[in-house]
Amino acid sequence: MMPEVRNNLRIPPKAARGVAGNWDAMKPTKGIPRRVFRRAADVLESEEAAAPWFQEPIPALGGVIPLAYARRPGRGHEVYAVLVRIEHGVYS
């Protein structure tokens, strides 16, 4: 697992070593609202594809990475809305 992803998701190093590559055991609960991560996994077709998506700047979020945006109080719904637009083919 990439150290920056582990750190951003606040996963203890021991936990990350024991489940490398197994996102079921490391679902983000502190950094990203669970429903937002689930939506990303559904839209992007896997948790493995969703995890790196949260690290890439998104134009629809003003060039901010979804992980940083979702962590802001009251902003998870905006990341969710971007995922809904992606799902329906509305790219912004």
Foldseek 3Di string as FASTA:
>chain_A
DDPVLCVLLVPDPVQCVVQPPNCVSVPRVQQAPNVLLVLQCVLLVHSVRSSVQQVFQAVQVVRDRNSVQRNPPPRNVVSSVQSVCSSVVNHD
